[in-house]
Every structure is written in C-alpha cells, then in structure tokens.
C-alpha cells in the first residue's frame, strides 16, 4: 500500500503506526478497514478510514488456484492519494467574538451543544 499526498512530505501513519514520509509505502497481509492519518505542518490533519477489499484472486476457492497453480507472481498494490488542505487560523477578532457569544450564553443560562 502506498500513500501519496499533495504536497508531499507529510507524516503518514497506518493503524497508529508511522510508516514514513509521503510518498510512504508499507506491505499488508490482510484485507480490512485501515485507519490512515496524515500530518503536515501548515495543513489540516487528515484521518481516513479506508476499506481494503481482497482482489478476485483472493476469494475463497479461487485463492487456492491463484496461490498454488498460477505460474506467475500476483501482487496487490494499492495507491491512496490525498489532497492536503491548508490549515485556516481564525483571526483574533473571530476568536474574541466566539468567546463573547459563549460568555453571553452562559450568563443567560443557555448551554451550548457539545461537539463530537
């Protein structure tokens, strides 16, 4: 599996294990949902849950023929491309405005909905 980013140079983690700087590659031996995390200074951290499904030659029954009787090597290469989004830093006025709104809500007894 290879993870490529635009721009390159981001730290790539798969299933909470750092695999390198993009473009980064790692082998995988099982098919499942993988959690991919991409971090780069100045860009928003991306967390992607990618389902890696087996190719046709790994289906039960066919896998025996593919692994024992197939004359050549079968390689399953997955490429995951991610476009990084620049991090937006709110202005001081925007932060102060949000703080004032929350302060006014708390004085009025309004409890804001919690973010998930």
PDB file of N, CA and C in Angstrom:
ATOM      1  N   UNK A   1       0.852  -1.152   0.000  1.00  0.00           N
ATOM      2  CA  UNK A   1       0.000   0.000   0.000  1.00  0.00           C
ATOM      3  C   UNK A   1       0.906   1.225   0.000  1.00  0.00           C
ATOM      4  N   UNK A   2       0.617   2.164  -0.882  1.00  0.00           N
ATOM      5  CA  UNK A   2       1.374   3.398  -0.972  1.00  0.00           C
ATOM      6  C   UNK A   2       0.431   4.572  -0.737  1.00  0.00           C
ATOM      7  N   UNK A   3       0.834   5.475   0.151  1.00  0.00           N
ATOM      8  CA  UNK A   3       0.051   6.679   0.420  1.00  0.00           C
ATOM      9  C   UNK A   3       0.833   7.858  -0.139  1.00  0.00           C
ATOM     10  N   UNK A   4       0.186   8.581  -1.068  1.00  0.00           N
ATOM     11  CA  UNK A   4       0.799   9.759  -1.671  1.00  0.00           C
ATOM     12  C   UNK A   4      -0.012  10.980  -1.276  1.00  0.00           C
ATOM     13  N   UNK A   5       0.686  12.082  -1.024  1.00  0.00           N
ATOM     14  CA  UNK A   5      -0.010  13.317  -0.668  1.00  0.00           C
ATOM     15  C   UNK A   5       0.409  14.430  -1.608  1.00  0.00           C
ATOM     16  N   UNK A   6      -0.476  15.395  -1.733  1.00  0.00           N
ATOM     17  CA  UNK A   6      -0.169  16.603  -2.483  1.00  0.00           C
ATOM     18  C   UNK A   6      -0.397  17.774  -1.551  1.00  0.00           C
ATOM     19  N   UNK A   7       0.611  18.462  -1.080  1.00  0.00           N
ATOM     20  CA  UNK A   7       2.031  18.332  -1.369  1.00  0.00           C
ATOM     21  C   UNK A   7       2.651  17.158  -0.613  1.00  0.00           C
ATOM     22  N   UNK A   8       3.759  16.620  -1.138  1.00  0.00           N
ATOM     23  CA  UNK A   8       4.433  15.513  -0.463  1.00  0.00           C
ATOM     24  C   UNK A   8       5.143  15.985   0.808  1.00  0.00           C
ATOM     25  N   UNK A   9       5.630  15.041   1.589  1.00  0.00           N
ATOM     26  CA  UNK A   9       6.398  15.378   2.782  1.00  0.00           C
ATOM     27  C   UNK A   9       5.612  15.297   4.075  1.00  0.00           C
ATOM     28  N   UNK A  10       4.429  14.704   4.044  1.00  0.00           N
ATOM     29  CA  UNK A  10       3.616  14.567   5.256  1.00  0.00           C
ATOM     30  C   UNK A  10       3.961  13.273   5.974  1.00  0.00           C
ATOM     31  N   UNK A  11       3.781  13.267   7.289  1.00  0.00           N
ATOM     32  CA  UNK A  11       3.993  12.049   8.089  1.00  0.00           C
ATOM     33  C   UNK A  11       2.747  11.179   7.932  1.00  0.00           C
ATOM     34  N   UNK A  12       2.951   9.919   7.558  1.00  0.00           N
ATOM     35  CA  UNK A  12       1.843   9.001   7.304  1.00  0.00           C
ATOM     36  C   UNK A  12       1.859   7.891   8.344  1.00  0.00           C
ATOM     37  N   UNK A  13       0.706   7.665   8.971  1.00  0.00           N
ATOM     38  CA  UNK A  13       0.537   6.566   9.928  1.00  0.00           C
ATOM     39  C   UNK A  13      -0.596   5.673   9.431  1.00  0.00           C
ATOM     40  N   UNK A  14      -0.400   4.368   9.547  1.00  0.00           N
ATOM     41  CA  UNK A  14      -1.441   3.404   9.217  1.00  0.00           C
ATOM     42  C   UNK A  14      -1.691   2.568  10.464  1.00  0.00           C
ATOM     43  N   UNK A  15      -2.933   2.553  10.915  1.00  0.00           N
ATOM     44  CA  UNK A  15      -3.315   1.821  12.124  1.00  0.00           C
ATOM     45  C   UNK A  15      -2.425   2.207  13.313  1.00  0.00           C
ATOM     46  N   UNK A  16      -2.232   3.516  13.487  1.00  0.00           N
ATOM     47  CA  UNK A  16      -1.465   4.105  14.596  1.00  0.00           C
ATOM     48  C   UNK A  16       0.017   3.737  14.590  1.00  0.00           C
ATOM     49  N   UNK A  17       0.561   3.377  13.437  1.00  0.00           N
ATOM     50  CA  UNK A  17       1.989   3.109  13.320  1.00  0.00           C
ATOM     51  C   UNK A  17       2.538   3.957  12.178  1.00  0.00           C
ATOM     52  N   UNK A  18       3.541   4.773  12.477  1.00  0.00           N
ATOM     53  CA  UNK A  18       4.137   5.629  11.458  1.00  0.00           C
ATOM     54  C   UNK A  18       4.848   4.749  10.429  1.00  0.00           C
ATOM     55  N   UNK A  19       4.514   4.979   9.147  1.00  0.00           N
ATOM     56  CA  UNK A  19       5.169   4.206   8.079  1.00  0.00           C
ATOM     57  C   UNK A  19       6.179   5.047   7.316  1.00  0.00           C
ATOM     58  N   UNK A  20       6.165   6.375   7.522  1.00  0.00           N
ATOM     59  CA  UNK A  20       7.165   7.206   6.858  1.00  0.00           C
ATOM     60  C   UNK A  20       6.615   8.534   6.400  1.00  0.00           C
ATOM     61  N   UNK A  21       7.419   9.189   5.567  1.00  0.00           N
ATOM     62  CA  UNK A  21       7.090  10.486   4.985  1.00  0.00           C
ATOM     63  C   UNK A  21       6.570  10.240   3.574  1.00  0.00           C
ATOM     64  N   UNK A  22       5.467  10.915   3.223  1.00  0.00           N
ATOM     65  CA  UNK A  22       4.841  10.663   1.921  1.00  0.00           C
ATOM     66  C   UNK A  22       5.743  11.116   0.773  1.00  0.00           C
ATOM     67  N   UNK A  23       5.758  10.346  -0.304  1.00  0.00           N
ATOM     68  CA  UNK A  23       5.013   9.107  -0.500  1.00  0.00           C
ATOM     69  C   UNK A  23       5.602   7.970   0.338  1.00  0.00           C
ATOM     70  N   UNK A  24       4.735   7.305   1.087  1.00  0.00           N
ATOM     71  CA  UNK A  24       5.167   6.241   2.001  1.00  0.00           C
ATOM     72  C   UNK A  24       4.483   4.933   1.608  1.00  0.00           C
ATOM     73  N   UNK A  25       5.230   3.853   1.740  1.00  0.00           N
ATOM     74  CA  UNK A  25       4.696   2.539   1.376  1.00  0.00           C
ATOM     75  C   UNK A  25       4.892   1.558   2.515  1.00  0.00           C
ATOM     76  N   UNK A  26       3.963   0.627   2.624  1.00  0.00           N
ATOM     77  CA  UNK A  26       4.056  -0.425   3.617  1.00  0.00           C
ATOM     78  C   UNK A  26       3.381  -1.685   3.064  1.00  0.00           C
ATOM     79  N   UNK A  27       3.922  -2.853   3.376  1.00  0.00           N
ATOM     80  CA  UNK A  27       3.249  -4.086   2.952  1.00  0.00           C
ATOM     81  C   UNK A  27       2.060  -4.373   3.867  1.00  0.00           C
ATOM     82  N   UNK A  28       1.104  -5.112   3.357  1.00  0.00           N
ATOM     83  CA  UNK A  28      -0.004  -5.554   4.202  1.00  0.00           C
ATOM     84  C   UNK A  28      -0.337  -6.990   3.850  1.00  0.00           C
ATOM     85  N   UNK A  29      -0.749  -7.742   4.863  1.00  0.00           N
ATOM     86  CA  UNK A  29      -1.011  -9.166   4.643  1.00  0.00           C
ATOM     87  C   UNK A  29      -2.472  -9.531   4.838  1.00  0.00           C
ATOM     88  N   UNK A  30      -3.279  -8.604   5.314  1.00  0.00           N
ATOM     89  CA  UNK A  30      -4.689  -8.909   5.485  1.00  0.00           C
ATOM     90  C   UNK A  30      -5.532  -7.762   4.939  1.00  0.00           C
ATOM     91  N   UNK A  31      -6.729  -8.090   4.565  1.00  0.00           N
ATOM     92  CA  UNK A  31      -7.657  -7.116   3.993  1.00  0.00           C
ATOM     93  C   UNK A  31      -8.665  -6.728   5.061  1.00  0.00           C
ATOM     94  N   UNK A  32      -8.798  -5.441   5.287  1.00  0.00           N
ATOM     95  CA  UNK A  32      -9.706  -4.936   6.318  1.00  0.00           C
ATOM     96  C   UNK A  32      -9.785  -3.422   6.182  1.00  0.00           C
ATOM     97  N   UNK A  33     -10.504  -2.810   7.091  1.00  0.00           N
ATOM     98  CA  UNK A  33     -10.544  -1.348   7.145  1.00  0.00           C
ATOM     99  C   UNK A  33      -9.257  -0.873   7.815  1.00  0.00           C
ATOM    100  N   UNK A  34      -8.596   0.108   7.209  1.00  0.00           N
ATOM    101  CA  UNK A  34      -7.353   0.653   7.742  1.00  0.00           C
ATOM    102  C   UNK A  34      -7.571   2.116   8.075  1.00  0.00           C
ATOM    103  N   UNK A  35      -7.027   2.548   9.203  1.00  0.00           N
ATOM    104  CA  UNK A  35      -7.082   3.949   9.609  1.00  0.00           C
ATOM    105  C   UNK A  35      -5.775   4.619   9.196  1.00  0.00           C
ATOM    106  N   UNK A  36      -5.892   5.604   8.322  1.00  0.00           N
ATOM    107  CA  UNK A  36      -4.723   6.306   7.798  1.00  0.00           C
ATOM    108  C   UNK A  36      -4.764   7.739   8.318  1.00  0.00           C
ATOM    109  N   UNK A  37      -3.669   8.175   8.927  1.00  0.00           N
ATOM    110  CA  UNK A  37      -3.569   9.531   9.476  1.00  0.00           C
ATOM    111  C   UNK A  37      -2.407  10.231   8.781  1.00  0.00           C
ATOM    112  N   UNK A  38      -2.668  11.459   8.327  1.00  0.00           N
ATOM    113  CA  UNK A  38      -1.670  12.231   7.597  1.00  0.00           C
ATOM    114  C   UNK A  38      -1.513  13.584   8.274  1.00  0.00           C
ATOM    115  N   UNK A  39      -0.259  13.924   8.638  1.00  0.00           N
ATOM    116  CA  UNK A  39       0.013  15.177   9.333  1.00  0.00           C
ATOM    117  C   UNK A  39       1.146  15.930   8.642  1.00  0.00           C
ATOM    118  N   UNK A  40       0.939  17.231   8.477  1.00  0.00           N
ATOM    119  CA  UNK A  40       1.981  18.096   7.911  1.00  0.00           C
ATOM    120  C   UNK A  40       1.776  19.492   8.463  1.00  0.00           C
ATOM    121  N   UNK A  41       2.877  20.132   8.876  1.00  0.00           N
ATOM    122  CA  UNK A  41       2.795  21.490   9.403  1.00  0.00           C
ATOM    123  C   UNK A  41       2.161  22.424   8.379  1.00  0.00           C
ATOM    124  N   UNK A  42       1.227  23.250   8.851  1.00  0.00           N
ATOM    125  CA  UNK A  42       0.559  24.209   7.975  1.00  0.00           C
ATOM    126  C   UNK A  42      -0.648  23.646   7.252  1.00  0.00           C
ATOM    127  N   UNK A  43      -0.931  22.351   7.444  1.00  0.00           N
ATOM    128  CA  UNK A  43      -2.064  21.699   6.779  1.00  0.00           C
ATOM    129  C   UNK A  43      -2.936  20.999   7.811  1.00  0.00           C
ATOM    130  N   UNK A  44      -4.205  20.856   7.475  1.00  0.00           N
ATOM    131  CA  UNK A  44      -5.142  20.169   8.352  1.00  0.00           C
ATOM    132  C   UNK A  44      -4.771  18.682   8.434  1.00  0.00           C
ATOM    133  N   UNK A  45      -4.814  18.133   9.639  1.00  0.00           N
ATOM    134  CA  UNK A  45      -4.553  16.701   9.814  1.00  0.00           C
ATOM    135  C   UNK A  45      -5.726  15.920   9.239  1.00  0.00           C
ATOM    136  N   UNK A  46      -5.411  14.959   8.399  1.00  0.00           N
ATOM    137  CA  UNK A  46      -6.442  14.143   7.756  1.00  0.00           C
ATOM    138  C   UNK A  46      -6.437  12.752   8.367  1.00  0.00           C
ATOM    139  N   UNK A  47      -7.609  12.251   8.696  1.00  0.00           N
ATOM    140  CA  UNK A  47      -7.765  10.878   9.164  1.00  0.00           C
ATOM    141  C   UNK A  47      -8.772  10.205   8.237  1.00  0.00           C
ATOM    142  N   UNK A  48      -8.324   9.137   7.607  1.00  0.00           N
ATOM    143  CA  UNK A  48      -9.140   8.445   6.608  1.00  0.00           C
ATOM    144  C   UNK A  48      -9.300   7.000   7.037  1.00  0.00           C
ATOM    145  N   UNK A  49     -10.514   6.492   6.960  1.00  0.00           N
ATOM    146  CA  UNK A  49     -10.761   5.058   7.182  1.00  0.00           C
ATOM    147  C   UNK A  49     -11.007   4.460   5.802  1.00  0.00           C
ATOM    148  N   UNK A  50     -10.069   3.629   5.355  1.00  0.00           N
ATOM    149  CA  UNK A  50     -10.112   3.066   4.010  1.00  0.00           C
ATOM    150  C   UNK A  50     -10.343   1.567   4.082  1.00  0.00           C
ATOM    151  N   UNK A  51     -11.385   1.109   3.428  1.00  0.00           N
ATOM    152  CA  UNK A  51     -11.675  -0.325   3.370  1.00  0.00           C
ATOM    153  C   UNK A  51     -10.830  -0.937   2.258  1.00  0.00           C
ATOM    154  N   UNK A  52     -10.004  -1.898   2.603  1.00  0.00           N
ATOM    155  CA  UNK A  52      -9.170  -2.610   1.627  1.00  0.00           C
ATOM    156  C   UNK A  52      -9.819  -3.971   1.403  1.00  0.00           C
ATOM    157  N   UNK A  53     -10.466  -4.120   0.259  1.00  0.00           N
ATOM    158  CA  UNK A  53     -11.137  -5.370  -0.079  1.00  0.00           C
ATOM    159  C   UNK A  53     -10.194  -6.275  -0.863  1.00  0.00           C
ATOM    160  N   UNK A  54     -10.329  -7.587  -0.710  1.00  0.00           N
ATOM    161  CA  UNK A  54      -9.452  -8.501  -1.445  1.00  0.00           C
ATOM    162  C   UNK A  54      -9.774  -8.501  -2.943  1.00  0.00           C
ATOM    163  N   UNK A  55      -8.746  -8.700  -3.782  1.00  0.00           N
ATOM    164  CA  UNK A  55      -8.988  -8.819  -5.221  1.00  0.00           C
ATOM    165  C   UNK A  55      -9.613 -10.176  -5.536  1.00  0.00           C
ATOM    166  N   UNK A  56     -10.045 -10.362  -6.761  1.00  0.00           N
ATOM    167  CA  UNK A  56     -10.751 -11.587  -7.149  1.00  0.00           C
ATOM    168  C   UNK A  56      -9.936 -12.840  -6.876  1.00  0.00           C
ATOM    169  N   UNK A  57      -8.617 -12.771  -7.019  1.00  0.00           N
ATOM    170  CA  UNK A  57      -7.806 -13.979  -6.839  1.00  0.00           C
ATOM    171  C   UNK A  57      -7.584 -14.333  -5.369  1.00  0.00           C
ATOM    172  N   UNK A  58      -8.154 -13.582  -4.446  1.00  0.00           N
ATOM    173  CA  UNK A  58      -8.102 -13.914  -3.025  1.00  0.00           C
ATOM    174  C   UNK A  58      -9.450 -14.412  -2.504  1.00  0.00           C
ATOM    175  N   UNK A  59     -10.434 -14.544  -3.389  1.00  0.00           N
ATOM    176  CA  UNK A  59     -11.733 -15.065  -2.965  1.00  0.00           C
ATOM    177  C   UNK A  59     -11.588 -16.540  -2.591  1.00  0.00           C
ATOM    178  N   UNK A  60     -12.344 -17.006  -1.614  1.00  0.00           N
ATOM    179  CA  UNK A  60     -12.265 -18.420  -1.218  1.00  0.00           C
ATOM    180  C   UNK A  60     -12.524 -19.347  -2.411  1.00  0.00           C
ATOM    181  N   UNK A  61     -11.700 -20.346  -2.545  1.00  0.00           N
ATOM    182  CA  UNK A  61     -11.791 -21.284  -3.668  1.00  0.00           C
ATOM    183  C   UNK A  61     -10.826 -20.889  -4.770  1.00  0.00           C
ATOM    184  N   UNK A  62     -10.950 -19.667  -5.243  1.00  0.00           N
ATOM    185  CA  UNK A  62     -10.049 -19.169  -6.284  1.00  0.00           C
ATOM    186  C   UNK A  62      -8.654 -18.954  -5.704  1.00  0.00           C
ATOM    187  N   UNK A  63      -8.578 -18.607  -4.419  1.00  0.00           N
ATOM    188  CA  UNK A  63      -7.282 -18.327  -3.795  1.00  0.00           C
ATOM    189  C   UNK A  63      -6.350 -19.547  -3.836  1.00  0.00           C
ATOM    190  N   UNK A  64      -6.894 -20.743  -3.736  1.00  0.00           N
ATOM    191  CA  UNK A  64      -6.066 -21.955  -3.804  1.00  0.00           C
ATOM    192  C   UNK A  64      -5.379 -22.053  -5.161  1.00  0.00           C
ATOM    193  N   UNK A  65      -6.143 -21.847  -6.226  1.00  0.00           N
ATOM    194  CA  UNK A  65      -5.590 -21.918  -7.584  1.00  0.00           C
ATOM    195  C   UNK A  65      -4.560 -20.804  -7.776  1.00  0.00           C
ATOM    196  N   UNK A  66      -4.893 -19.603  -7.320  1.00  0.00           N
ATOM    197  CA  UNK A  66      -4.001 -18.460  -7.515  1.00  0.00           C
ATOM    198  C   UNK A  66      -2.689 -18.625  -6.758  1.00  0.00           C
ATOM    199  N   UNK A  67      -2.724 -19.235  -5.586  1.00  0.00           N
ATOM    200  CA  UNK A  67      -1.515 -19.356  -4.766  1.00  0.00           C
ATOM    201  C   UNK A  67      -0.677 -20.587  -5.094  1.00  0.00           C
ATOM    202  N   UNK A  68      -1.302 -21.634  -5.610  1.00  0.00           N
ATOM    203  CA  UNK A  68      -0.545 -22.874  -5.834  1.00  0.00           C
ATOM    204  C   UNK A  68      -0.314 -23.203  -7.306  1.00  0.00           C
ATOM    205  N   UNK A  69      -1.255 -22.903  -8.164  1.00  0.00           N
ATOM    206  CA  UNK A  69      -1.137 -23.312  -9.559  1.00  0.00           C
ATOM    207  C   UNK A  69      -0.805 -22.178 -10.525  1.00  0.00           C
ATOM    208  N   UNK A  70      -0.984 -20.970 -10.118  1.00  0.00           N
ATOM    209  CA  UNK A  70      -0.733 -19.814 -11.004  1.00  0.00           C
ATOM    210  C   UNK A  70       0.771 -19.719 -11.271  1.00  0.00           C
ATOM    211  N   UNK A  71       1.171 -19.629 -12.544  1.00  0.00           N
ATOM    212  CA  UNK A  71       2.607 -19.677 -12.856  1.00  0.00           C
ATOM    213  C   UNK A  71       3.398 -18.417 -12.467  1.00  0.00           C
ATOM    214  N   UNK A  72       2.752 -17.297 -12.396  1.00  0.00           N
ATOM    215  CA  UNK A  72       3.467 -16.054 -12.094  1.00  0.00           C
ATOM    216  C   UNK A  72       3.176 -15.557 -10.684  1.00  0.00           C
ATOM    217  N   UNK A  73       3.751 -14.400 -10.375  1.00  0.00           N
ATOM    218  CA  UNK A  73       3.528 -13.777  -9.069  1.00  0.00           C
ATOM    219  C   UNK A  73       2.372 -12.801  -9.173  1.00  0.00           C
ATOM    220  N   UNK A  74       1.465 -12.862  -8.214  1.00  0.00           N
ATOM    221  CA  UNK A  74       0.361 -11.917  -8.153  1.00  0.00           C
ATOM    222  C   UNK A  74       0.650 -10.923  -7.036  1.00  0.00           C
ATOM    223  N   UNK A  75       0.632  -9.641  -7.377  1.00  0.00           N
ATOM    224  CA  UNK A  75       0.883  -8.594  -6.381  1.00  0.00           C
ATOM    225  C   UNK A  75      -0.333  -7.683  -6.314  1.00  0.00           C
ATOM    226  N   UNK A  76      -0.736  -7.383  -5.109  1.00  0.00           N
ATOM    227  CA  UNK A  76      -1.853  -6.478  -4.897  1.00  0.00           C
ATOM    228  C   UNK A  76      -1.285  -5.151  -4.391  1.00  0.00           C
ATOM    229  N   UNK A  77      -1.236  -4.163  -5.252  1.00  0.00           N
ATOM    230  CA  UNK A  77      -0.707  -2.849  -4.891  1.00  0.00           C
ATOM    231  C   UNK A  77      -1.859  -1.865  -4.807  1.00  0.00           C
ATOM    232  N   UNK A  78      -1.946  -1.176  -3.696  1.00  0.00           N
ATOM    233  CA  UNK A  78      -2.982  -0.163  -3.501  1.00  0.00           C
ATOM    234  C   UNK A  78      -2.308   1.198  -3.384  1.00  0.00           C
ATOM    235  N   UNK A  79      -2.842   2.182  -4.110  1.00  0.00           N
ATOM    236  CA  UNK A  79      -2.328   3.548  -4.036  1.00  0.00           C
ATOM    237  C   UNK A  79      -3.436   4.435  -3.518  1.00  0.00           C
ATOM    238  N   UNK A  80      -3.137   5.188  -2.483  1.00  0.00           N
ATOM    239  CA  UNK A  80      -4.107   6.088  -1.874  1.00  0.00           C
ATOM    240  C   UNK A  80      -3.561   7.504  -2.020  1.00  0.00           C
ATOM    241  N   UNK A  81      -4.285   8.336  -2.768  1.00  0.00           N
ATOM    242  CA  UNK A  81      -3.894   9.725  -2.985  1.00  0.00           C
ATOM    243  C   UNK A  81      -4.715  10.632  -2.083  1.00  0.00           C
ATOM    244  N   UNK A  82      -4.047  11.578  -1.422  1.00  0.00           N
ATOM    245  CA  UNK A  82      -4.723  12.504  -0.516  1.00  0.00           C
ATOM    246  C   UNK A  82      -4.293  13.924  -0.846  1.00  0.00           C
ATOM    247  N   UNK A  83      -5.269  14.791  -1.049  1.00  0.00           N
ATOM    248  CA  UNK A  83      -5.007  16.211  -1.268  1.00  0.00           C
ATOM    249  C   UNK A  83      -5.086  16.904   0.090  1.00  0.00           C
ATOM    250  N   UNK A  84      -3.986  17.497   0.536  1.00  0.00           N
ATOM    251  CA  UNK A  84      -3.971  18.175   1.830  1.00  0.00           C
ATOM    252  C   UNK A  84      -4.582  19.568   1.709  1.00  0.00           C
ATOM    253  N   UNK A  85      -5.312  19.954   2.748  1.00  0.00           N
ATOM    254  CA  UNK A  85      -5.995  21.246   2.792  1.00  0.00           C
ATOM    255  C   UNK A  85      -5.235  22.153   3.753  1.00  0.00           C
ATOM    256  N   UNK A  86      -4.884  23.369   3.316  1.00  0.00           N
ATOM    257  CA  UNK A  86      -4.177  24.282   4.225  1.00  0.00           C
ATOM    258  C   UNK A  86      -4.988  24.554   5.490  1.00  0.00           C
ATOM    259  N   UNK A  87      -4.271  24.653   6.599  1.00  0.00           N
ATOM    260  CA  UNK A  87      -4.905  24.930   7.886  1.00  0.00           C
ATOM    261  C   UNK A  87      -5.326  26.395   7.914  1.00  0.00           C
ATOM    262  N   UNK A  88      -6.547  26.641   8.361  1.00  0.00           N
ATOM    263  CA  UNK A  88      -7.061  28.003   8.458  1.00  0.00           C
ATOM    264  C   UNK A  88      -6.981  28.435   9.915  1.00  0.00           C
ATOM    265  N   UNK A  89      -6.245  29.504  10.144  1.00  0.00           N
ATOM    266  CA  UNK A  89      -6.114  30.038  11.501  1.00  0.00           C
ATOM    267  C   UNK A  89      -7.106  31.189  11.627  1.00  0.00           C
ATOM    268  N   UNK A  90      -8.067  31.085  12.583  1.00  0.00           N
ATOM    269  CA  UNK A  90      -9.052  32.157  12.725  1.00  0.00           C
ATOM    270  C   UNK A  90      -8.389  33.446  13.217  1.00  0.00           C
ATOM    271  N   UNK A  91      -8.960  34.562  12.793  1.00  0.00           N
ATOM    272  CA  UNK A  91      -8.417  35.851  13.220  1.00  0.00           C
ATOM    273  C   UNK A  91      -8.721  36.088  14.697  1.00  0.00           C
ATOM    274  N   UNK A  92      -7.990  37.031  15.289  1.00  0.00           N
ATOM    275  CA  UNK A  92      -8.189  37.347  16.700  1.00  0.00           C
ATOM    276  C   UNK A  92      -9.613  37.848  16.948  1.00  0.00           C
ATOM    277  N   UNK A  93     -10.130  38.643  16.026  1.00  0.00           N
ATOM    278  CA  UNK A  93     -11.497  39.161  16.178  1.00  0.00           C
ATOM    279  C   UNK A  93     -12.528  38.035  16.178  1.00  0.00           C
ATOM    280  N   UNK A  94     -12.316  37.033  15.339  1.00  0.00           N
ATOM    281  CA  UNK A  94     -13.241  35.903  15.281  1.00  0.00           C
ATOM    282  C   UNK A  94     -13.217  35.103  16.586  1.00  0.00           C
ATOM    283  N   UNK A  95     -12.037  34.884  17.139  1.00  0.00           N
ATOM    284  CA  UNK A  95     -11.915  34.143  18.397  1.00  0.00           C
ATOM    285  C   UNK A  95     -12.567  34.925  19.536  1.00  0.00           C
ATOM    286  N   UNK A  96     -12.315  36.227  19.597  1.00  0.00           N
ATOM    287  CA  UNK A  96     -12.912  37.063  20.647  1.00  0.00           C
ATOM    288  C   UNK A  96     -14.427  37.093  20.492  1.00  0.00           C
ATOM    289  N   UNK A  97     -14.911  37.163  19.268  1.00  0.00           N
ATOM    290  CA  UNK A  97     -16.357  37.155  19.028  1.00  0.00           C
ATOM    291  C   UNK A  97     -17.015  35.865  19.501  1.00  0.00           C
ATOM    292  N   UNK A  98     -16.373  34.736  19.234  1.00  0.00           N
ATOM    293  CA  UNK A  98     -16.907  33.456  19.719  1.00  0.00           C
ATOM    294  C   UNK A  98     -16.903  33.396  21.241  1.00  0.00           C
ATOM    295  N   UNK A  99     -15.831  33.908  21.845  1.00  0.00           N
ATOM    296  CA  UNK A  99     -15.757  33.917  23.308  1.00  0.00           C
ATOM    297  C   UNK A  99     -16.865  34.771  23.914  1.00  0.00           C
ATOM    298  N   UNK A 100     -17.120  35.911  23.331  1.00  0.00           N
ATOM    299  CA  UNK A 100     -18.198  36.787  23.818  1.00  0.00           C
ATOM    300  C   UNK A 100     -19.557  36.094  23.693  1.00  0.00           C
ATOM    301  N   UNK A 101     -19.778  35.420  22.586  1.00  0.00           N
ATOM    302  CA  UNK A 101     -21.040  34.704  22.383  1.00  0.00           C
ATOM    303  C   UNK A 101     -21.219  33.625  23.441  1.00  0.00           C
ATOM    304  N   UNK A 102     -20.178  32.856  23.707  1.00  0.00           N
ATOM    305  CA  UNK A 102     -20.263  31.818  24.731  1.00  0.00           C
ATOM    306  C   UNK A 102     -20.467  32.416  26.118  1.00  0.00           C
ATOM    307  N   UNK A 103     -19.787  33.516  26.400  1.00  0.00           N
ATOM    308  CA  UNK A 103     -19.940  34.171  27.698  1.00  0.00           C
ATOM    309  C   UNK A 103     -21.381  34.649  27.879  1.00  0.00           C
ATOM    310  N   UNK A 104     -21.958  35.243  26.847  1.00  0.00           N
ATOM    311  CA  UNK A 104     -23.342  35.728  26.919  1.00  0.00           C
ATOM    312  C   UNK A 104     -24.321  34.566  27.079  1.00  0.00           C
ATOM    313  N   UNK A 105     -24.057  33.454  26.398  1.00  0.00           N
ATOM    314  CA  UNK A 105     -24.927  32.286  26.525  1.00  0.00           C
ATOM    315  C   UNK A 105     -24.869  31.710  27.935  1.00  0.00           C
ATOM    316  N   UNK A 106     -23.681  31.679  28.519  1.00  0.00           N
ATOM    317  CA  UNK A 106     -23.560  31.122  29.865  1.00  0.00           C
ATOM    318  C   UNK A 106     -24.230  32.027  30.899  1.00  0.00           C
ATOM    319  N   UNK A 107     -24.181  33.334  30.693  1.00  0.00           N
ATOM    320  CA  UNK A 107     -24.851  34.263  31.596  1.00  0.00           C
ATOM    321  C   UNK A 107     -26.364  34.115  31.496  1.00  0.00           C
ATOM    322  N   UNK A 108     -26.838  33.809  30.288  1.00  0.00           N
ATOM    323  CA  UNK A 108     -28.278  33.663  30.071  1.00  0.00           C
ATOM    324  C   UNK A 108     -28.766  32.266  30.448  1.00  0.00           C
ATOM    325  N   UNK A 109     -27.852  31.360  30.802  1.00  0.00           N
ATOM    326  CA  UNK A 109     -28.243  30.008  31.190  1.00  0.00           C
ATOM    327  C   UNK A 109     -28.427  29.069  30.015  1.00  0.00           C
ATOM    328  N   UNK A 110     -27.984  29.465  28.852  1.00  0.00           N
ATOM    329  CA  UNK A 110     -28.082  28.603  27.668  1.00  0.00           C
ATOM    330  C   UNK A 110     -26.819  27.751  27.613  1.00  0.00           C
ATOM    331  N   UNK A 111     -27.012  26.447  27.543  1.00  0.00           N
ATOM    332  CA  UNK A 111     -25.874  25.529  27.472  1.00  0.00           C
ATOM    333  C   UNK A 111     -25.665  25.164  26.010  1.00  0.00           C
ATOM    334  N   UNK A 112     -24.492  25.500  25.450  1.00  0.00           N
ATOM    335  CA  UNK A 112     -24.258  25.162  24.036  1.00  0.00           C
ATOM    336  C   UNK A 112     -24.110  23.660  23.847  1.00  0.00           C
ATOM    337  N   UNK A 113     -24.515  23.184  22.676  1.00  0.00           N
ATOM    338  CA  UNK A 113     -24.382  21.755  22.353  1.00  0.00           C
ATOM    339  C   UNK A 113     -22.907  21.395  22.278  1.00  0.00           C
ATOM    340  N   UNK A 114     -22.544  20.251  22.831  1.00  0.00           N
ATOM    341  CA  UNK A 114     -21.161  19.811  22.805  1.00  0.00           C
ATOM    342  C   UNK A 114     -20.827  19.251  21.447  1.00  0.00           C
ATOM    343  N   UNK A 115     -19.595  19.526  21.014  1.00  0.00           N
ATOM    344  CA  UNK A 115     -19.123  18.986  19.738  1.00  0.00           C
ATOM    345  C   UNK A 115     -18.651  17.576  19.920  1.00  0.00           C
ATOM    346  N   UNK A 116     -18.827  16.776  18.913  1.00  0.00           N
ATOM    347  CA  UNK A 116     -18.372  15.383  18.949  1.00  0.00           C
ATOM    348  C   UNK A 116     -17.204  15.202  18.066  1.00  0.00           C
TER     349      UNK A 116
END
